[in-house]
């Protein structure tokens, strides 16, 4: 039987970033699933208000990142601009979500492509779990990419809360397995 490790391949370790394992576990099973599900799948309902909110948040993040990179090294100021604007966008979404529920035709027509691209982006974001990059990392984020498709299915069929719970349970399972099999 072929074993990559027997052939001399070394799998890169995920850095601990100087964070305690308990904090990392709590973050991975609470904060990360909520944030990632809201960002990556919160808008997959296709409702116009949800799409407008997602587009606004994406635009605000791009503006804050560009402002920080181009005009000022003051991250707190740009983060504050983003946070205040995001709260305003959230309030606008809260007002419009009941009246802007129609799904645009383009969204319905391209839903499968949107889910696959979204899942690819979800997997790609997890490349940031490593402090270096090599081709093996692309293989190592395949579970997150495939998981993105499964989470999108859960989001579509059962709702955002269900996909958050599924994501948290998956992270807990991975964390537990990593802890149990760590040498």
N, C-alpha and C. Protein backbone atom coordinates (compact mmCIF):
# COMPACT_ATOMS: atom_id res chain seq x y z
N UNK A 1 0.85 -1.18 0.00
CA UNK A 1 0.00 0.00 0.00
C UNK A 1 0.90 1.25 0.00
N UNK A 2 0.48 2.25 -0.77
CA UNK A 2 1.26 3.48 -0.89
C UNK A 2 0.97 4.42 0.27
N UNK A 3 1.99 4.95 0.84
CA UNK A 3 1.85 5.93 1.89
C UNK A 3 2.72 7.14 1.54
N UNK A 4 2.11 8.30 1.50
CA UNK A 4 2.86 9.51 1.16
C UNK A 4 3.98 9.74 2.16
N UNK A 5 3.69 9.51 3.42
CA UNK A 5 4.72 9.72 4.43
C UNK A 5 5.84 8.70 4.30
N UNK A 6 5.49 7.44 3.91
CA UNK A 6 6.51 6.42 3.71
C UNK A 6 7.40 6.77 2.52
N UNK A 7 6.83 7.49 1.55
CA UNK A 7 7.59 7.90 0.37
C UNK A 7 8.44 9.14 0.65
N UNK A 8 8.36 9.67 1.85
CA UNK A 8 9.19 10.81 2.21
C UNK A 8 8.48 12.15 2.16
N UNK A 9 7.19 12.15 1.83
CA UNK A 9 6.45 13.41 1.79
C UNK A 9 6.12 13.85 3.21
N UNK A 10 6.31 15.09 3.48
CA UNK A 10 5.99 15.63 4.79
C UNK A 10 4.81 16.58 4.64
N UNK A 11 3.78 16.35 5.41
CA UNK A 11 2.62 17.23 5.36
C UNK A 11 2.88 18.42 6.26
N UNK A 12 2.58 19.62 5.75
CA UNK A 12 2.85 20.81 6.56
C UNK A 12 1.92 20.88 7.76
N UNK A 13 2.46 21.35 8.84
CA UNK A 13 1.67 21.51 10.06
C UNK A 13 0.98 22.86 10.03
N UNK A 14 -0.19 22.90 10.63
CA UNK A 14 -0.88 24.17 10.77
C UNK A 14 -0.25 24.91 11.94
N UNK A 15 0.17 26.16 11.73
CA UNK A 15 0.80 26.89 12.84
C UNK A 15 -0.21 27.15 13.95
N UNK A 16 0.27 27.21 15.20
CA UNK A 16 -0.65 27.47 16.30
C UNK A 16 -0.82 28.95 16.58
N UNK A 17 -0.05 29.81 15.91
CA UNK A 17 -0.13 31.26 16.04
C UNK A 17 -0.01 31.73 17.49
N UNK A 18 0.57 30.90 18.35
CA UNK A 18 0.75 31.28 19.74
C UNK A 18 -0.55 31.35 20.52
N UNK A 19 -1.56 30.63 20.07
CA UNK A 19 -2.89 30.66 20.71
C UNK A 19 -3.07 29.37 21.50
N UNK A 20 -3.69 29.47 22.66
CA UNK A 20 -3.91 28.28 23.47
C UNK A 20 -4.88 27.33 22.75
N UNK A 21 -4.70 26.03 22.91
CA UNK A 21 -5.60 25.07 22.26
C UNK A 21 -7.07 25.26 22.65
N UNK A 22 -7.33 25.60 23.90
CA UNK A 22 -8.71 25.81 24.33
C UNK A 22 -9.33 27.00 23.59
N UNK A 23 -8.60 28.11 23.52
CA UNK A 23 -9.11 29.28 22.80
C UNK A 23 -9.32 28.94 21.33
N UNK A 24 -8.37 28.24 20.73
CA UNK A 24 -8.49 27.86 19.33
C UNK A 24 -9.71 26.97 19.10
N UNK A 25 -9.94 26.02 20.00
CA UNK A 25 -11.12 25.16 19.90
C UNK A 25 -12.40 25.98 20.00
N UNK A 26 -12.48 26.85 20.98
CA UNK A 26 -13.67 27.68 21.15
C UNK A 26 -13.91 28.58 19.94
N UNK A 27 -12.84 29.17 19.43
CA UNK A 27 -12.96 30.02 18.24
C UNK A 27 -13.43 29.20 17.04
N UNK A 28 -12.83 28.02 16.85
CA UNK A 28 -13.15 27.18 15.68
C UNK A 28 -14.55 26.60 15.73
N UNK A 29 -15.12 26.50 16.92
CA UNK A 29 -16.46 25.90 17.03
C UNK A 29 -17.56 26.92 17.32
N UNK A 30 -17.20 28.19 17.47
CA UNK A 30 -18.24 29.20 17.72
C UNK A 30 -18.12 30.37 16.74
N UNK A 31 -17.06 31.14 16.88
CA UNK A 31 -16.91 32.36 16.09
C UNK A 31 -16.72 32.06 14.60
N UNK A 32 -15.79 31.18 14.28
CA UNK A 32 -15.50 30.89 12.86
C UNK A 32 -16.71 30.37 12.10
N UNK A 33 -17.46 29.39 12.63
CA UNK A 33 -18.63 28.92 11.87
C UNK A 33 -19.67 30.02 11.62
N UNK A 34 -19.91 30.85 12.63
CA UNK A 34 -20.90 31.92 12.45
C UNK A 34 -20.42 32.91 11.39
N UNK A 35 -19.20 33.41 11.53
CA UNK A 35 -18.69 34.38 10.57
C UNK A 35 -18.60 33.80 9.16
N UNK A 36 -18.03 32.61 9.04
CA UNK A 36 -17.85 32.02 7.72
C UNK A 36 -19.18 31.69 7.06
N UNK A 37 -20.14 31.21 7.82
CA UNK A 37 -21.45 30.90 7.23
C UNK A 37 -22.19 32.16 6.80
N UNK A 38 -22.12 33.19 7.62
CA UNK A 38 -22.77 34.45 7.24
C UNK A 38 -22.12 35.03 5.98
N UNK A 39 -20.79 35.01 5.94
CA UNK A 39 -20.07 35.58 4.79
C UNK A 39 -20.25 34.73 3.54
N UNK A 40 -20.06 33.42 3.66
CA UNK A 40 -20.04 32.58 2.46
C UNK A 40 -21.40 32.05 2.05
N UNK A 41 -22.33 31.87 3.00
CA UNK A 41 -23.59 31.27 2.62
C UNK A 41 -24.83 32.02 3.09
N UNK A 42 -24.64 33.09 3.83
CA UNK A 42 -25.79 33.86 4.31
C UNK A 42 -26.65 34.40 3.17
N UNK A 43 -26.03 34.72 2.09
CA UNK A 43 -26.73 35.33 0.95
C UNK A 43 -27.19 34.30 -0.09
N UNK A 44 -26.92 33.01 0.13
CA UNK A 44 -27.30 31.99 -0.85
C UNK A 44 -28.80 31.76 -0.95
N UNK A 45 -29.58 32.43 -0.11
CA UNK A 45 -31.03 32.35 -0.27
C UNK A 45 -31.44 32.98 -1.59
N UNK A 46 -30.61 33.91 -2.07
CA UNK A 46 -30.90 34.58 -3.33
C UNK A 46 -31.88 35.73 -3.22
N UNK A 47 -32.39 35.98 -2.03
CA UNK A 47 -33.31 37.11 -1.87
C UNK A 47 -32.58 38.41 -2.16
N UNK A 48 -33.27 39.30 -2.80
CA UNK A 48 -32.65 40.56 -3.23
C UNK A 48 -32.01 41.31 -2.07
N UNK A 49 -32.69 41.40 -0.94
CA UNK A 49 -32.13 42.12 0.22
C UNK A 49 -30.85 41.46 0.70
N UNK A 50 -30.79 40.13 0.69
CA UNK A 50 -29.59 39.41 1.12
C UNK A 50 -28.44 39.66 0.17
N UNK A 51 -28.73 39.65 -1.13
CA UNK A 51 -27.69 39.90 -2.13
C UNK A 51 -27.18 41.33 -2.04
N UNK A 52 -28.09 42.29 -1.82
CA UNK A 52 -27.67 43.68 -1.65
C UNK A 52 -26.77 43.84 -0.43
N UNK A 53 -27.15 43.19 0.66
CA UNK A 53 -26.36 43.27 1.90
C UNK A 53 -24.97 42.66 1.68
N UNK A 54 -24.92 41.49 1.06
CA UNK A 54 -23.63 40.84 0.81
C UNK A 54 -22.76 41.70 -0.10
N UNK A 55 -23.35 42.27 -1.14
CA UNK A 55 -22.59 43.13 -2.04
C UNK A 55 -22.08 44.37 -1.34
N UNK A 56 -22.90 44.93 -0.47
CA UNK A 56 -22.50 46.12 0.28
C UNK A 56 -21.33 45.80 1.22
N UNK A 57 -21.43 44.69 1.94
CA UNK A 57 -20.36 44.31 2.87
C UNK A 57 -19.07 44.03 2.10
N UNK A 58 -19.17 43.34 0.98
CA UNK A 58 -17.99 43.07 0.16
C UNK A 58 -17.36 44.37 -0.33
N UNK A 59 -18.18 45.30 -0.80
CA UNK A 59 -17.68 46.60 -1.25
C UNK A 59 -17.04 47.38 -0.12
N UNK A 60 -17.67 47.37 1.06
CA UNK A 60 -17.11 48.08 2.21
C UNK A 60 -15.76 47.48 2.63
N UNK A 61 -15.68 46.16 2.60
CA UNK A 61 -14.42 45.51 2.95
C UNK A 61 -13.33 45.89 1.96
N UNK A 62 -13.68 45.93 0.68
CA UNK A 62 -12.70 46.32 -0.35
C UNK A 62 -12.25 47.76 -0.15
N UNK A 63 -13.18 48.65 0.16
CA UNK A 63 -12.83 50.06 0.39
C UNK A 63 -11.93 50.19 1.63
N UNK A 64 -12.30 49.50 2.71
CA UNK A 64 -11.49 49.58 3.93
C UNK A 64 -10.09 49.02 3.70
N UNK A 65 -10.00 47.89 2.99
CA UNK A 65 -8.70 47.30 2.70
C UNK A 65 -7.87 48.23 1.82
N UNK A 66 -8.49 48.77 0.77
CA UNK A 66 -7.77 49.69 -0.13
C UNK A 66 -7.36 50.95 0.61
N UNK A 67 -8.25 51.49 1.43
CA UNK A 67 -7.92 52.68 2.20
C UNK A 67 -6.75 52.45 3.12
N UNK A 68 -6.76 51.31 3.79
CA UNK A 68 -5.65 50.98 4.68
C UNK A 68 -4.35 50.83 3.89
N UNK A 69 -4.43 50.13 2.77
CA UNK A 69 -3.22 49.84 1.98
C UNK A 69 -2.67 51.08 1.27
N UNK A 70 -3.56 51.95 0.80
CA UNK A 70 -3.12 53.06 -0.04
C UNK A 70 -2.93 54.39 0.69
N UNK A 71 -3.75 54.64 1.69
CA UNK A 71 -3.78 56.00 2.24
C UNK A 71 -3.29 56.13 3.68
N UNK A 72 -3.40 55.08 4.44
CA UNK A 72 -3.05 55.23 5.85
C UNK A 72 -2.70 53.88 6.43
N UNK A 73 -1.76 53.86 7.30
CA UNK A 73 -1.40 52.64 7.99
C UNK A 73 -2.21 52.45 9.27
N UNK A 74 -3.21 53.29 9.49
CA UNK A 74 -4.00 53.24 10.72
C UNK A 74 -5.13 52.22 10.55
N UNK A 75 -4.87 50.99 10.93
CA UNK A 75 -5.85 49.91 10.75
C UNK A 75 -7.12 50.17 11.58
N UNK A 76 -6.97 50.73 12.77
CA UNK A 76 -8.12 50.97 13.64
C UNK A 76 -9.10 51.93 12.97
N UNK A 77 -8.59 52.97 12.34
CA UNK A 77 -9.47 53.95 11.68
C UNK A 77 -10.25 53.29 10.55
N UNK A 78 -9.57 52.53 9.71
CA UNK A 78 -10.25 51.89 8.57
C UNK A 78 -11.19 50.78 9.05
N UNK A 79 -10.82 50.07 10.10
CA UNK A 79 -11.70 49.06 10.66
C UNK A 79 -12.94 49.71 11.26
N UNK A 80 -12.77 50.86 11.86
CA UNK A 80 -13.91 51.60 12.42
C UNK A 80 -14.86 52.06 11.32
N UNK A 81 -14.30 52.58 10.22
CA UNK A 81 -15.12 52.99 9.08
C UNK A 81 -15.91 51.80 8.56
N UNK A 82 -15.24 50.66 8.43
CA UNK A 82 -15.91 49.45 7.96
C UNK A 82 -17.02 49.04 8.94
N UNK A 83 -16.72 49.01 10.23
CA UNK A 83 -17.69 48.55 11.24
C UNK A 83 -18.93 49.45 11.27
N UNK A 84 -18.73 50.76 11.26
CA UNK A 84 -19.86 51.69 11.28
C UNK A 84 -20.70 51.54 10.02
N UNK A 85 -20.05 51.43 8.89
CA UNK A 85 -20.77 51.25 7.63
C UNK A 85 -21.49 49.91 7.58
N UNK A 86 -20.87 48.88 8.13
CA UNK A 86 -21.48 47.55 8.15
C UNK A 86 -22.73 47.55 9.02
N UNK A 87 -22.69 48.25 10.14
CA UNK A 87 -23.87 48.35 10.99
C UNK A 87 -25.00 49.08 10.24
N UNK A 88 -24.66 50.14 9.52
CA UNK A 88 -25.67 50.84 8.72
C UNK A 88 -26.25 49.91 7.65
N UNK A 89 -25.39 49.12 7.01
CA UNK A 89 -25.87 48.17 6.00
C UNK A 89 -26.76 47.10 6.63
N UNK A 90 -26.41 46.65 7.82
CA UNK A 90 -27.22 45.66 8.52
C UNK A 90 -28.60 46.23 8.87
N UNK A 91 -28.63 47.47 9.32
CA UNK A 91 -29.91 48.12 9.63
C UNK A 91 -30.77 48.25 8.36
N UNK A 92 -30.14 48.63 7.26
CA UNK A 92 -30.85 48.73 5.98
C UNK A 92 -31.40 47.37 5.57
N UNK A 93 -30.59 46.32 5.73
CA UNK A 93 -31.03 44.97 5.39
C UNK A 93 -32.24 44.59 6.26
N UNK A 94 -32.17 44.91 7.56
CA UNK A 94 -33.27 44.59 8.47
C UNK A 94 -34.58 45.22 8.04
N UNK A 95 -34.52 46.42 7.50
CA UNK A 95 -35.73 47.12 7.03
C UNK A 95 -36.23 46.51 5.72
N UNK A 96 -35.31 46.15 4.83
CA UNK A 96 -35.68 45.72 3.48
C UNK A 96 -35.90 44.21 3.32
N UNK A 97 -35.50 43.40 4.28
CA UNK A 97 -35.53 41.95 4.07
C UNK A 97 -36.93 41.38 3.89
N UNK A 98 -37.93 42.01 4.48
CA UNK A 98 -39.31 41.51 4.34
C UNK A 98 -39.94 41.93 3.01
N UNK A 99 -39.51 43.06 2.46
CA UNK A 99 -40.12 43.55 1.23
C UNK A 99 -39.33 43.22 -0.03
N UNK A 100 -38.09 42.80 0.11
CA UNK A 100 -37.24 42.49 -1.04
C UNK A 100 -36.83 41.02 -1.01
N UNK A 101 -37.84 40.14 -1.13
CA UNK A 101 -37.58 38.71 -1.02
C UNK A 101 -37.46 38.01 -2.37
N UNK A 102 -37.81 38.67 -3.44
CA UNK A 102 -37.76 38.03 -4.75
C UNK A 102 -36.33 37.66 -5.12
N UNK A 103 -36.19 36.50 -5.76
CA UNK A 103 -34.88 36.07 -6.23
C UNK A 103 -34.70 36.54 -7.67
N UNK A 104 -33.62 37.27 -7.95
CA UNK A 104 -33.39 37.71 -9.33
C UNK A 104 -33.23 36.50 -10.27
N UNK A 105 -33.72 36.65 -11.48
CA UNK A 105 -33.66 35.56 -12.45
C UNK A 105 -32.24 35.08 -12.73
N UNK A 106 -31.29 36.03 -12.81
CA UNK A 106 -29.91 35.64 -13.08
C UNK A 106 -29.36 34.74 -11.99
N UNK A 107 -29.79 34.98 -10.74
CA UNK A 107 -29.30 34.19 -9.61
C UNK A 107 -29.83 32.76 -9.72
N UNK A 108 -31.10 32.62 -10.01
CA UNK A 108 -31.70 31.30 -10.15
C UNK A 108 -31.06 30.53 -11.31
N UNK A 109 -30.83 31.21 -12.42
CA UNK A 109 -30.24 30.55 -13.60
C UNK A 109 -28.82 30.06 -13.34
N UNK A 110 -28.07 30.78 -12.54
CA UNK A 110 -26.65 30.47 -12.34
C UNK A 110 -26.36 29.93 -10.94
N UNK A 111 -27.38 29.46 -10.25
CA UNK A 111 -27.22 29.05 -8.86
C UNK A 111 -26.13 27.99 -8.69
N UNK A 112 -26.13 26.96 -9.52
CA UNK A 112 -25.13 25.89 -9.37
C UNK A 112 -23.71 26.45 -9.52
N UNK A 113 -23.50 27.31 -10.52
CA UNK A 113 -22.17 27.90 -10.71
C UNK A 113 -21.79 28.76 -9.51
N UNK A 114 -22.76 29.49 -9.00
CA UNK A 114 -22.51 30.35 -7.83
C UNK A 114 -22.08 29.50 -6.64
N UNK A 115 -22.77 28.39 -6.41
CA UNK A 115 -22.42 27.51 -5.28
C UNK A 115 -21.01 26.95 -5.45
N UNK A 116 -20.68 26.48 -6.66
CA UNK A 116 -19.35 25.90 -6.87
C UNK A 116 -18.25 26.95 -6.73
N UNK A 117 -18.46 28.14 -7.27
CA UNK A 117 -17.45 29.20 -7.13
C UNK A 117 -17.32 29.63 -5.67
N UNK A 118 -18.45 29.72 -4.99
CA UNK A 118 -18.46 30.06 -3.57
C UNK A 118 -17.69 29.02 -2.77
N UNK A 119 -17.89 27.75 -3.07
CA UNK A 119 -17.20 26.67 -2.36
C UNK A 119 -15.70 26.70 -2.65
N UNK A 120 -15.34 27.01 -3.88
CA UNK A 120 -13.94 27.14 -4.24
C UNK A 120 -13.29 28.30 -3.46
N UNK A 121 -14.00 29.42 -3.37
CA UNK A 121 -13.51 30.56 -2.59
C UNK A 121 -13.37 30.19 -1.11
N UNK A 122 -14.34 29.45 -0.59
CA UNK A 122 -14.30 29.00 0.80
C UNK A 122 -13.06 28.15 1.06
N UNK A 123 -12.78 27.21 0.17
CA UNK A 123 -11.58 26.39 0.30
C UNK A 123 -10.31 27.22 0.19
N UNK A 124 -10.30 28.15 -0.76
CA UNK A 124 -9.13 28.99 -0.99
C UNK A 124 -8.82 29.86 0.24
N UNK A 125 -9.85 30.38 0.88
CA UNK A 125 -9.63 31.19 2.09
C UNK A 125 -8.91 30.38 3.16
N UNK A 126 -9.15 29.08 3.20
CA UNK A 126 -8.51 28.25 4.21
C UNK A 126 -7.03 28.00 3.94
N UNK A 127 -6.52 28.47 2.81
CA UNK A 127 -5.07 28.44 2.59
C UNK A 127 -4.36 29.33 3.59
N UNK A 128 -5.08 30.31 4.15
CA UNK A 128 -4.50 31.19 5.15
C UNK A 128 -4.23 30.47 6.47
N UNK A 129 -4.67 29.22 6.59
CA UNK A 129 -4.36 28.43 7.79
C UNK A 129 -2.89 28.06 7.86
N UNK A 130 -2.17 28.24 6.77
CA UNK A 130 -0.76 27.85 6.69
C UNK A 130 0.09 29.10 6.52
N UNK A 131 1.27 29.09 7.13
CA UNK A 131 2.12 30.28 7.04
C UNK A 131 3.00 30.29 5.80
N UNK A 132 3.01 29.20 5.05
CA UNK A 132 3.72 29.16 3.76
C UNK A 132 2.76 28.55 2.74
N UNK A 133 3.16 28.55 1.47
CA UNK A 133 2.32 27.95 0.45
C UNK A 133 3.13 26.98 -0.39
N UNK A 134 2.53 25.81 -0.65
CA UNK A 134 3.08 24.85 -1.60
C UNK A 134 1.90 24.12 -2.24
N UNK A 135 2.18 23.34 -3.27
CA UNK A 135 1.12 22.64 -3.98
C UNK A 135 0.34 21.69 -3.08
N UNK A 136 0.98 21.13 -2.07
CA UNK A 136 0.28 20.21 -1.17
C UNK A 136 -0.84 20.90 -0.41
N UNK A 137 -0.71 22.21 -0.19
CA UNK A 137 -1.76 22.95 0.50
C UNK A 137 -3.06 22.93 -0.28
N UNK A 138 -2.97 22.93 -1.61
CA UNK A 138 -4.20 22.86 -2.42
C UNK A 138 -4.95 21.57 -2.15
N UNK A 139 -4.21 20.49 -1.97
CA UNK A 139 -4.84 19.20 -1.64
C UNK A 139 -5.39 19.24 -0.21
N UNK A 140 -4.67 19.90 0.67
CA UNK A 140 -5.08 19.91 2.07
C UNK A 140 -6.33 20.75 2.34
N UNK A 141 -6.67 21.66 1.43
CA UNK A 141 -7.91 22.43 1.61
C UNK A 141 -9.08 21.84 0.81
N UNK A 142 -8.86 20.71 0.14
CA UNK A 142 -9.97 20.05 -0.57
C UNK A 142 -11.14 19.71 0.36
N UNK A 143 -10.88 19.22 1.59
CA UNK A 143 -12.03 18.96 2.47
C UNK A 143 -12.87 20.22 2.74
N UNK A 144 -12.23 21.37 2.88
CA UNK A 144 -12.99 22.60 3.08
C UNK A 144 -13.77 22.98 1.82
N UNK A 145 -13.17 22.74 0.66
CA UNK A 145 -13.85 23.06 -0.60
C UNK A 145 -15.08 22.17 -0.77
N UNK A 146 -14.92 20.88 -0.55
CA UNK A 146 -16.05 19.96 -0.65
C UNK A 146 -17.05 20.26 0.46
N UNK A 147 -16.55 20.57 1.64
CA UNK A 147 -17.43 20.96 2.74
C UNK A 147 -18.26 22.18 2.41
N UNK A 148 -17.68 23.10 1.62
CA UNK A 148 -18.43 24.28 1.19
C UNK A 148 -19.65 23.91 0.38
N UNK A 149 -19.53 22.89 -0.47
CA UNK A 149 -20.68 22.42 -1.26
C UNK A 149 -21.73 21.81 -0.32
N UNK A 150 -21.28 21.00 0.62
CA UNK A 150 -22.22 20.37 1.56
C UNK A 150 -22.90 21.41 2.45
N UNK A 151 -22.14 22.41 2.89
CA UNK A 151 -22.73 23.47 3.71
C UNK A 151 -23.72 24.30 2.91
N UNK A 152 -23.44 24.51 1.63
CA UNK A 152 -24.39 25.23 0.76
C UNK A 152 -25.68 24.44 0.62
N UNK A 153 -25.58 23.12 0.48
CA UNK A 153 -26.77 22.28 0.41
C UNK A 153 -27.58 22.40 1.69
N UNK A 154 -26.89 22.31 2.83
CA UNK A 154 -27.57 22.44 4.12
C UNK A 154 -28.22 23.81 4.24
N UNK A 155 -27.49 24.85 3.85
CA UNK A 155 -28.02 26.22 3.91
C UNK A 155 -29.29 26.35 3.07
N UNK A 156 -29.25 25.77 1.87
CA UNK A 156 -30.37 25.88 0.96
C UNK A 156 -31.58 25.09 1.46
N UNK A 157 -31.36 23.91 2.00
CA UNK A 157 -32.47 23.03 2.41
C UNK A 157 -32.98 23.29 3.81
N UNK A 158 -32.06 23.61 4.74
CA UNK A 158 -32.46 23.69 6.15
C UNK A 158 -32.28 25.07 6.77
N UNK A 159 -31.57 25.96 6.10
CA UNK A 159 -31.40 27.30 6.62
C UNK A 159 -30.01 27.58 7.14
N UNK A 160 -29.77 28.85 7.41
CA UNK A 160 -28.45 29.31 7.84
C UNK A 160 -28.07 28.74 9.20
N UNK A 161 -29.01 28.66 10.13
CA UNK A 161 -28.70 28.12 11.46
C UNK A 161 -28.20 26.68 11.37
N UNK A 162 -28.82 25.89 10.51
CA UNK A 162 -28.40 24.49 10.35
C UNK A 162 -26.99 24.40 9.78
N UNK A 163 -26.66 25.27 8.83
CA UNK A 163 -25.31 25.21 8.26
C UNK A 163 -24.27 25.69 9.29
N UNK A 164 -24.64 26.60 10.16
CA UNK A 164 -23.72 27.04 11.22
C UNK A 164 -23.45 25.87 12.18
N UNK A 165 -24.51 25.16 12.57
CA UNK A 165 -24.35 24.01 13.47
C UNK A 165 -23.50 22.93 12.81
N UNK A 166 -23.79 22.63 11.53
CA UNK A 166 -23.01 21.62 10.81
C UNK A 166 -21.54 22.01 10.75
N UNK A 167 -21.28 23.28 10.46
CA UNK A 167 -19.91 23.78 10.37
C UNK A 167 -19.20 23.64 11.73
N UNK A 168 -19.90 24.02 12.80
CA UNK A 168 -19.31 23.94 14.14
C UNK A 168 -19.00 22.49 14.52
N UNK A 169 -19.91 21.59 14.19
CA UNK A 169 -19.69 20.17 14.50
C UNK A 169 -18.52 19.60 13.69
N UNK A 170 -18.42 19.99 12.43
CA UNK A 170 -17.30 19.54 11.60
C UNK A 170 -15.98 20.04 12.19
N UNK A 171 -15.93 21.32 12.55
CA UNK A 171 -14.70 21.87 13.15
C UNK A 171 -14.35 21.16 14.45
N UNK A 172 -15.36 20.84 15.26
CA UNK A 172 -15.11 20.12 16.52
C UNK A 172 -14.57 18.73 16.23
N UNK A 173 -15.13 18.06 15.23
CA UNK A 173 -14.66 16.73 14.86
C UNK A 173 -13.21 16.76 14.38
N UNK A 174 -12.89 17.72 13.52
CA UNK A 174 -11.52 17.85 13.01
C UNK A 174 -10.55 18.18 14.15
N UNK A 175 -10.95 19.10 15.00
CA UNK A 175 -10.09 19.49 16.12
C UNK A 175 -9.87 18.30 17.04
N UNK A 176 -10.94 17.55 17.32
CA UNK A 176 -10.83 16.38 18.18
C UNK A 176 -9.93 15.31 17.56
N UNK A 177 -10.10 15.06 16.27
CA UNK A 177 -9.26 14.07 15.59
C UNK A 177 -7.80 14.51 15.58
N UNK A 178 -7.57 15.78 15.33
CA UNK A 178 -6.20 16.30 15.32
C UNK A 178 -5.57 16.13 16.70
N UNK A 179 -6.34 16.40 17.74
CA UNK A 179 -5.83 16.27 19.10
C UNK A 179 -5.59 14.80 19.44
N UNK A 180 -6.51 13.92 19.04
CA UNK A 180 -6.40 12.50 19.37
C UNK A 180 -5.24 11.83 18.65
N UNK A 181 -4.98 12.24 17.39
CA UNK A 181 -3.95 11.58 16.60
C UNK A 181 -2.63 12.34 16.54
N UNK A 182 -2.54 13.45 17.27
CA UNK A 182 -1.28 14.22 17.28
C UNK A 182 -0.20 13.36 17.93
N UNK A 183 0.97 13.44 17.32
CA UNK A 183 2.06 12.63 17.90
C UNK A 183 3.02 13.47 18.67
